[in-house]
């Protein structure tokens, strides 16, 4: 009788099962990495935007008010010379909130923060990003790990 070379059904089933387990583990790791990366990216965007507004307040003599609601960062600039008010808005990938009692951050014409607090990710998440909030004191701003 002639022997047929190939794989048995059991061998193929084992290979498929092992492949499925490896793919499942990889998918979960990818999801956590993507979530972590998204949070870090948003924190960096908020941080750089606040620094930009702080510099603008100092150099152009403006008062700036920053609010954050869900996935939006709203900026209100008031020119002290002309009284002109302008608004801008930045879309974020994750919901953030300001944790002081006024729910806003204010920057005076000297570039100092008159209302301080934290801007942090709202809710819970499974990943562990390097930093997930921005801490603002009177004259300093920094990215930190809050949760």
N, C-alpha and C. Protein backbone atom coordinates (compact mmCIF):
# COMPACT_ATOMS: atom_id res chain seq x y z
N UNK A 1 0.83 -1.16 0.00
CA UNK A 1 0.00 0.00 0.00
C UNK A 1 0.88 1.25 0.00
N UNK A 2 0.47 2.24 -0.73
CA UNK A 2 1.23 3.46 -0.90
C UNK A 2 0.93 4.43 0.26
N UNK A 3 1.99 4.96 0.89
CA UNK A 3 1.80 5.88 2.02
C UNK A 3 1.63 7.30 1.49
N UNK A 4 0.58 7.99 1.92
CA UNK A 4 0.28 9.36 1.49
C UNK A 4 0.91 10.31 2.50
N UNK A 5 1.70 11.25 1.97
CA UNK A 5 2.34 12.23 2.84
C UNK A 5 1.42 13.43 3.03
N UNK A 6 1.41 13.99 4.23
CA UNK A 6 0.57 15.16 4.52
C UNK A 6 0.32 15.27 6.01
N UNK A 7 -0.56 16.17 6.37
CA UNK A 7 -0.89 16.40 7.77
C UNK A 7 -2.23 15.78 8.10
N UNK A 8 -2.33 15.33 9.33
CA UNK A 8 -3.61 14.78 9.77
C UNK A 8 -4.52 15.93 10.21
N UNK A 9 -5.78 15.63 10.35
CA UNK A 9 -6.75 16.62 10.77
C UNK A 9 -6.45 17.12 12.19
N UNK A 10 -5.97 16.27 13.05
CA UNK A 10 -5.65 16.65 14.43
C UNK A 10 -4.47 17.64 14.44
N UNK A 11 -3.46 17.38 13.64
CA UNK A 11 -2.31 18.28 13.56
C UNK A 11 -2.73 19.66 13.06
N UNK A 12 -3.57 19.71 12.06
CA UNK A 12 -4.05 21.00 11.55
C UNK A 12 -4.89 21.74 12.59
N UNK A 13 -5.70 21.02 13.34
CA UNK A 13 -6.53 21.63 14.38
C UNK A 13 -5.66 22.24 15.49
N UNK A 14 -4.60 21.56 15.85
CA UNK A 14 -3.68 22.08 16.87
C UNK A 14 -3.00 23.36 16.38
N UNK A 15 -2.55 23.36 15.15
CA UNK A 15 -1.89 24.54 14.58
C UNK A 15 -2.87 25.73 14.53
N UNK A 16 -4.08 25.49 14.12
CA UNK A 16 -5.08 26.55 14.07
C UNK A 16 -5.38 27.08 15.47
N UNK A 17 -5.50 26.21 16.46
CA UNK A 17 -5.79 26.63 17.84
C UNK A 17 -4.65 27.47 18.41
N UNK A 18 -3.42 27.04 18.21
CA UNK A 18 -2.26 27.79 18.70
C UNK A 18 -2.17 29.14 18.00
N UNK A 19 -2.41 29.17 16.71
CA UNK A 19 -2.39 30.44 15.96
C UNK A 19 -3.46 31.39 16.48
N UNK A 20 -4.65 30.89 16.77
CA UNK A 20 -5.74 31.72 17.28
C UNK A 20 -5.37 32.33 18.63
N UNK A 21 -4.75 31.55 19.50
CA UNK A 21 -4.35 32.06 20.83
C UNK A 21 -3.30 33.15 20.68
N UNK A 22 -2.32 32.94 19.82
CA UNK A 22 -1.27 33.93 19.60
C UNK A 22 -1.86 35.22 19.02
N UNK A 23 -2.77 35.10 18.07
CA UNK A 23 -3.42 36.28 17.49
C UNK A 23 -4.25 37.04 18.52
N UNK A 24 -4.95 36.32 19.37
CA UNK A 24 -5.77 36.94 20.40
C UNK A 24 -4.90 37.74 21.37
N UNK A 25 -3.78 37.15 21.80
CA UNK A 25 -2.86 37.86 22.71
C UNK A 25 -2.27 39.09 22.03
N UNK A 26 -1.90 38.96 20.79
CA UNK A 26 -1.34 40.09 20.04
C UNK A 26 -2.35 41.20 19.85
N UNK A 27 -3.59 40.84 19.59
CA UNK A 27 -4.65 41.84 19.40
C UNK A 27 -4.88 42.63 20.68
N UNK A 28 -4.93 41.96 21.82
CA UNK A 28 -5.13 42.66 23.10
C UNK A 28 -3.97 43.60 23.40
N UNK A 29 -2.76 43.15 23.15
CA UNK A 29 -1.59 44.01 23.37
C UNK A 29 -1.63 45.22 22.45
N UNK A 30 -2.03 45.00 21.21
CA UNK A 30 -2.13 46.10 20.25
C UNK A 30 -3.18 47.11 20.69
N UNK A 31 -4.32 46.64 21.17
CA UNK A 31 -5.39 47.53 21.63
C UNK A 31 -4.90 48.40 22.80
N UNK A 32 -4.21 47.79 23.76
CA UNK A 32 -3.69 48.54 24.90
C UNK A 32 -2.65 49.56 24.46
N UNK A 33 -1.77 49.17 23.54
CA UNK A 33 -0.76 50.09 23.04
C UNK A 33 -1.42 51.27 22.32
N UNK A 34 -2.43 50.98 21.52
CA UNK A 34 -3.13 52.03 20.77
C UNK A 34 -3.81 53.02 21.72
N UNK A 35 -4.47 52.50 22.76
CA UNK A 35 -5.13 53.35 23.74
C UNK A 35 -4.11 54.21 24.48
N UNK A 36 -3.03 53.62 24.90
CA UNK A 36 -1.97 54.33 25.61
C UNK A 36 -1.37 55.42 24.74
N UNK A 37 -1.09 55.10 23.51
CA UNK A 37 -0.53 56.05 22.56
C UNK A 37 -1.48 57.21 22.31
N UNK A 38 -2.76 56.93 22.21
CA UNK A 38 -3.76 57.96 21.98
C UNK A 38 -3.83 58.93 23.16
N UNK A 39 -3.80 58.42 24.38
CA UNK A 39 -3.85 59.26 25.58
C UNK A 39 -2.60 60.14 25.65
N UNK A 40 -1.42 59.54 25.45
CA UNK A 40 -0.18 60.30 25.49
C UNK A 40 -0.16 61.39 24.42
N UNK A 41 -0.65 61.08 23.24
CA UNK A 41 -0.69 62.06 22.16
C UNK A 41 -1.59 63.24 22.52
N UNK A 42 -2.77 62.96 23.09
CA UNK A 42 -3.67 64.04 23.50
C UNK A 42 -3.05 64.90 24.60
N UNK A 43 -2.41 64.27 25.57
CA UNK A 43 -1.77 65.03 26.66
C UNK A 43 -0.69 65.94 26.10
N UNK A 44 0.10 65.44 25.17
CA UNK A 44 1.14 66.26 24.55
C UNK A 44 0.54 67.42 23.76
N UNK A 45 -0.57 67.17 23.06
CA UNK A 45 -1.24 68.25 22.31
C UNK A 45 -1.76 69.33 23.25
N UNK A 46 -2.41 68.92 24.34
CA UNK A 46 -2.93 69.89 25.30
C UNK A 46 -1.78 70.69 25.91
N UNK A 47 -0.73 70.00 26.31
CA UNK A 47 0.44 70.64 26.92
C UNK A 47 1.04 71.69 25.98
N UNK A 48 1.27 71.31 24.73
CA UNK A 48 1.89 72.25 23.79
C UNK A 48 0.95 73.42 23.48
N UNK A 49 -0.35 73.17 23.43
CA UNK A 49 -1.31 74.25 23.17
C UNK A 49 -1.33 75.24 24.34
N UNK A 50 -1.29 74.74 25.56
CA UNK A 50 -1.27 75.62 26.73
C UNK A 50 0.02 76.44 26.75
N UNK A 51 1.14 75.81 26.44
CA UNK A 51 2.42 76.54 26.39
C UNK A 51 2.38 77.62 25.32
N UNK A 52 1.80 77.30 24.16
CA UNK A 52 1.69 78.27 23.08
C UNK A 52 0.82 79.45 23.51
N UNK A 53 -0.32 79.17 24.16
CA UNK A 53 -1.22 80.23 24.63
C UNK A 53 -0.57 81.06 25.73
N UNK A 54 0.21 80.42 26.55
CA UNK A 54 0.92 81.13 27.62
C UNK A 54 1.93 82.13 27.04
N UNK A 55 2.67 81.69 26.03
CA UNK A 55 3.62 82.57 25.37
C UNK A 55 2.90 83.72 24.66
N UNK A 56 1.80 83.39 24.02
CA UNK A 56 1.01 84.41 23.32
C UNK A 56 0.45 85.43 24.32
N UNK A 57 -0.01 84.98 25.48
CA UNK A 57 -0.54 85.88 26.50
C UNK A 57 0.54 86.86 26.96
N UNK A 58 1.75 86.36 27.13
CA UNK A 58 2.85 87.20 27.60
C UNK A 58 3.33 88.18 26.53
N UNK A 59 3.52 87.70 25.32
CA UNK A 59 4.10 88.55 24.27
C UNK A 59 3.08 89.51 23.65
N UNK A 60 1.81 89.11 23.58
CA UNK A 60 0.80 89.95 22.93
C UNK A 60 -0.17 90.60 23.92
N UNK A 61 0.12 90.47 25.20
CA UNK A 61 -0.71 91.06 26.26
C UNK A 61 -2.18 90.67 26.12
N UNK A 62 -2.42 89.38 26.29
CA UNK A 62 -3.78 88.84 26.21
C UNK A 62 -4.08 88.06 27.48
N UNK A 63 -5.35 87.96 27.78
CA UNK A 63 -5.82 87.06 28.83
C UNK A 63 -6.39 85.84 28.14
N UNK A 64 -6.08 84.67 28.67
CA UNK A 64 -6.52 83.42 28.05
C UNK A 64 -7.29 82.60 29.07
N UNK A 65 -8.39 82.03 28.61
CA UNK A 65 -9.19 81.14 29.44
C UNK A 65 -9.35 79.82 28.70
N UNK A 66 -9.00 78.72 29.36
CA UNK A 66 -9.05 77.40 28.73
C UNK A 66 -10.06 76.55 29.46
N UNK A 67 -10.99 75.98 28.71
CA UNK A 67 -11.95 75.03 29.27
C UNK A 67 -11.83 73.72 28.51
N UNK A 68 -12.28 72.67 29.14
CA UNK A 68 -12.17 71.35 28.54
C UNK A 68 -13.47 70.59 28.83
N UNK A 69 -14.10 70.11 27.77
CA UNK A 69 -15.30 69.32 27.98
C UNK A 69 -15.27 68.14 27.02
N UNK A 70 -15.34 66.98 27.58
CA UNK A 70 -15.27 65.72 26.82
C UNK A 70 -14.07 65.71 25.88
N UNK A 71 -14.32 65.73 24.60
CA UNK A 71 -13.21 65.60 23.64
C UNK A 71 -12.88 66.91 22.96
N UNK A 72 -13.06 68.03 23.67
CA UNK A 72 -12.78 69.35 23.11
C UNK A 72 -12.01 70.20 24.11
N UNK A 73 -11.02 70.92 23.60
CA UNK A 73 -10.29 71.91 24.37
C UNK A 73 -10.67 73.26 23.77
N UNK A 74 -11.28 74.12 24.58
CA UNK A 74 -11.76 75.42 24.10
C UNK A 74 -10.88 76.52 24.68
N UNK A 75 -10.50 77.47 23.81
CA UNK A 75 -9.61 78.55 24.20
C UNK A 75 -10.27 79.89 23.88
N UNK A 76 -10.33 80.75 24.89
CA UNK A 76 -10.88 82.10 24.72
C UNK A 76 -9.75 83.09 25.00
N UNK A 77 -9.43 83.91 23.99
CA UNK A 77 -8.38 84.92 24.13
C UNK A 77 -9.02 86.30 24.16
N UNK A 78 -8.59 87.14 25.09
CA UNK A 78 -9.07 88.52 25.16
C UNK A 78 -7.88 89.45 25.04
N UNK A 79 -7.87 90.27 23.99
CA UNK A 79 -6.81 91.25 23.78
C UNK A 79 -7.05 92.41 24.72
N UNK A 80 -6.09 92.74 25.56
CA UNK A 80 -6.28 93.79 26.56
C UNK A 80 -6.27 95.18 25.96
N UNK A 81 -5.61 95.37 24.82
CA UNK A 81 -5.56 96.70 24.19
C UNK A 81 -6.86 97.03 23.47
N UNK A 82 -7.32 96.09 22.65
CA UNK A 82 -8.52 96.38 21.84
C UNK A 82 -9.81 95.83 22.44
N UNK A 83 -9.70 94.91 23.37
CA UNK A 83 -10.89 94.28 23.95
C UNK A 83 -11.47 93.19 23.07
N UNK A 84 -10.83 92.89 21.96
CA UNK A 84 -11.31 91.87 21.02
C UNK A 84 -11.19 90.48 21.65
N UNK A 85 -12.25 89.71 21.49
CA UNK A 85 -12.29 88.34 22.02
C UNK A 85 -12.30 87.36 20.85
N UNK A 86 -11.46 86.34 20.93
CA UNK A 86 -11.45 85.30 19.89
C UNK A 86 -11.52 83.93 20.55
N UNK A 87 -12.10 82.99 19.83
CA UNK A 87 -12.28 81.64 20.33
C UNK A 87 -11.63 80.65 19.38
N UNK A 88 -11.11 79.57 19.93
CA UNK A 88 -10.63 78.46 19.12
C UNK A 88 -10.94 77.16 19.85
N UNK A 89 -10.93 76.09 19.10
CA UNK A 89 -11.30 74.79 19.67
C UNK A 89 -10.42 73.71 19.06
N UNK A 90 -10.01 72.78 19.88
CA UNK A 90 -9.16 71.68 19.42
C UNK A 90 -9.87 70.38 19.75
N UNK A 91 -9.98 69.52 18.74
CA UNK A 91 -10.60 68.20 18.94
C UNK A 91 -9.57 67.23 19.48
N UNK A 92 -10.00 66.41 20.45
CA UNK A 92 -9.13 65.40 21.06
C UNK A 92 -9.70 64.01 20.79
N UNK A 93 -8.89 63.00 20.98
CA UNK A 93 -9.33 61.62 20.78
C UNK A 93 -9.95 61.00 22.03
N UNK A 94 -9.65 61.57 23.20
CA UNK A 94 -10.12 61.03 24.48
C UNK A 94 -10.80 62.14 25.28
N UNK A 95 -11.73 61.76 26.16
CA UNK A 95 -12.38 62.78 26.99
C UNK A 95 -11.47 63.22 28.13
N UNK A 96 -11.34 64.53 28.32
CA UNK A 96 -10.53 65.11 29.39
C UNK A 96 -11.41 66.03 30.22
N UNK A 97 -10.96 66.30 31.45
CA UNK A 97 -11.66 67.26 32.31
C UNK A 97 -10.66 68.03 33.15
N UNK A 98 -11.04 69.26 33.50
CA UNK A 98 -10.24 70.09 34.39
C UNK A 98 -10.77 69.87 35.79
N UNK A 99 -9.86 69.60 36.73
CA UNK A 99 -10.31 69.16 38.06
C UNK A 99 -10.28 70.24 39.13
N UNK A 100 -10.20 71.52 38.77
CA UNK A 100 -10.34 72.54 39.81
C UNK A 100 -11.82 72.91 39.96
N UNK A 101 -12.15 73.70 40.95
CA UNK A 101 -13.56 73.98 41.23
C UNK A 101 -14.22 74.86 40.16
N UNK A 102 -13.45 75.62 39.39
CA UNK A 102 -14.02 76.49 38.37
C UNK A 102 -14.14 75.81 37.00
N UNK A 103 -13.51 74.64 36.84
CA UNK A 103 -13.53 73.89 35.57
C UNK A 103 -12.91 74.66 34.42
N UNK A 104 -11.93 75.52 34.75
CA UNK A 104 -11.22 76.27 33.71
C UNK A 104 -9.82 76.61 34.20
N UNK A 105 -8.96 76.92 33.25
CA UNK A 105 -7.60 77.38 33.53
C UNK A 105 -7.50 78.79 32.96
N UNK A 106 -6.94 79.72 33.73
CA UNK A 106 -6.79 81.10 33.27
C UNK A 106 -5.31 81.46 33.24
N UNK A 107 -4.94 82.19 32.16
CA UNK A 107 -3.57 82.69 32.02
C UNK A 107 -3.67 84.21 31.91
N UNK A 108 -2.93 84.92 32.77
CA UNK A 108 -2.99 86.38 32.72
C UNK A 108 -1.98 86.93 31.71
N UNK A 109 -1.96 88.26 31.55
CA UNK A 109 -1.11 88.89 30.55
C UNK A 109 0.38 88.76 30.85
N UNK A 110 0.73 88.29 32.03
CA UNK A 110 2.13 88.06 32.38
C UNK A 110 2.56 86.62 32.10
N UNK A 111 1.63 85.82 31.59
CA UNK A 111 1.94 84.42 31.28
C UNK A 111 1.85 83.51 32.49
N UNK A 112 1.28 84.01 33.58
CA UNK A 112 1.13 83.20 34.79
C UNK A 112 -0.29 82.65 34.87
N UNK A 113 -0.43 81.53 35.52
CA UNK A 113 -1.74 80.90 35.68
C UNK A 113 -2.41 81.48 36.91
N UNK A 114 -3.60 82.04 36.73
CA UNK A 114 -4.34 82.58 37.87
C UNK A 114 -5.30 81.55 38.44
N UNK A 115 -5.72 80.60 37.64
CA UNK A 115 -6.48 79.46 38.15
C UNK A 115 -5.68 78.21 37.83
N UNK A 116 -5.39 77.43 38.82
CA UNK A 116 -4.54 76.25 38.63
C UNK A 116 -5.37 74.98 38.79
N UNK A 117 -4.77 73.85 38.51
CA UNK A 117 -5.46 72.57 38.66
C UNK A 117 -4.83 71.50 37.79
N UNK A 118 -5.63 70.50 37.49
CA UNK A 118 -5.18 69.39 36.65
C UNK A 118 -6.11 69.23 35.46
N UNK A 119 -5.55 68.80 34.36
CA UNK A 119 -6.34 68.36 33.21
C UNK A 119 -6.02 66.89 33.06
N UNK A 120 -7.03 66.05 33.27
CA UNK A 120 -6.77 64.61 33.21
C UNK A 120 -7.83 63.86 32.42
N UNK A 121 -7.47 62.64 32.04
CA UNK A 121 -8.37 61.80 31.26
C UNK A 121 -9.57 61.45 32.12
N UNK A 122 -10.74 61.56 31.53
CA UNK A 122 -11.98 61.22 32.21
C UNK A 122 -12.21 59.71 32.12
N UNK A 123 -12.66 59.11 33.19
CA UNK A 123 -12.99 57.68 33.16
C UNK A 123 -11.78 56.79 33.41
N UNK A 124 -11.96 55.52 33.07
CA UNK A 124 -10.89 54.54 33.27
C UNK A 124 -10.41 54.00 31.94
N UNK A 125 -9.25 53.42 31.97
CA UNK A 125 -8.68 52.81 30.77
C UNK A 125 -7.80 51.64 31.20
N UNK A 126 -7.60 50.70 30.27
CA UNK A 126 -6.88 49.47 30.59
C UNK A 126 -5.37 49.59 30.43
N UNK A 127 -4.94 50.49 29.59
CA UNK A 127 -3.50 50.61 29.33
C UNK A 127 -2.84 51.44 30.42
N UNK A 128 -1.52 51.52 30.37
CA UNK A 128 -0.81 52.35 31.34
C UNK A 128 0.14 53.29 30.59
N UNK A 129 -0.40 54.45 30.15
CA UNK A 129 0.45 55.40 29.44
C UNK A 129 1.51 56.00 30.36
N UNK A 130 2.56 56.52 29.76
CA UNK A 130 3.66 57.13 30.52
C UNK A 130 3.18 58.35 31.30
N UNK A 131 2.28 59.13 30.71
CA UNK A 131 1.67 60.27 31.39
C UNK A 131 0.23 60.39 30.92
N UNK A 132 -0.66 60.80 31.84
CA UNK A 132 -2.08 60.86 31.50
C UNK A 132 -2.77 62.13 32.02
N UNK A 133 -1.98 63.07 32.53
CA UNK A 133 -2.58 64.33 32.99
C UNK A 133 -1.56 65.45 32.91
N UNK A 134 -2.07 66.66 33.04
CA UNK A 134 -1.24 67.86 33.06
C UNK A 134 -1.52 68.57 34.37
N UNK A 135 -0.47 68.85 35.13
CA UNK A 135 -0.61 69.55 36.41
C UNK A 135 -0.14 70.98 36.21
N UNK A 136 -1.00 71.92 36.62
CA UNK A 136 -0.72 73.34 36.40
C UNK A 136 -0.67 74.05 37.75
N UNK A 137 0.48 74.65 38.04
CA UNK A 137 0.60 75.49 39.23
C UNK A 137 0.68 76.95 38.77
N UNK A 138 0.93 77.85 39.65
CA UNK A 138 0.89 79.28 39.29
C UNK A 138 1.84 79.63 38.15
N UNK A 139 3.04 79.09 38.17
CA UNK A 139 4.01 79.46 37.13
C UNK A 139 4.65 78.25 36.44
N UNK A 140 4.06 77.07 36.60
CA UNK A 140 4.67 75.87 36.05
C UNK A 140 3.60 74.94 35.51
N UNK A 141 3.94 74.24 34.44
CA UNK A 141 3.04 73.24 33.86
C UNK A 141 3.88 72.01 33.56
N UNK A 142 3.33 70.83 33.88
CA UNK A 142 4.09 69.60 33.62
C UNK A 142 3.14 68.43 33.35
N UNK A 143 3.64 67.48 32.56
CA UNK A 143 2.90 66.27 32.27
C UNK A 143 3.25 65.23 33.33
N UNK A 144 2.25 64.50 33.84
CA UNK A 144 2.48 63.51 34.89
C UNK A 144 1.63 62.29 34.69
N UNK A 145 1.90 61.30 35.50
CA UNK A 145 1.08 60.09 35.59
C UNK A 145 0.20 60.28 36.81
N UNK A 146 -1.12 60.42 36.61
CA UNK A 146 -2.03 60.71 37.73
C UNK A 146 -2.81 59.49 38.19
N UNK A 147 -3.08 58.55 37.29
CA UNK A 147 -3.90 57.39 37.68
C UNK A 147 -3.05 56.15 37.75
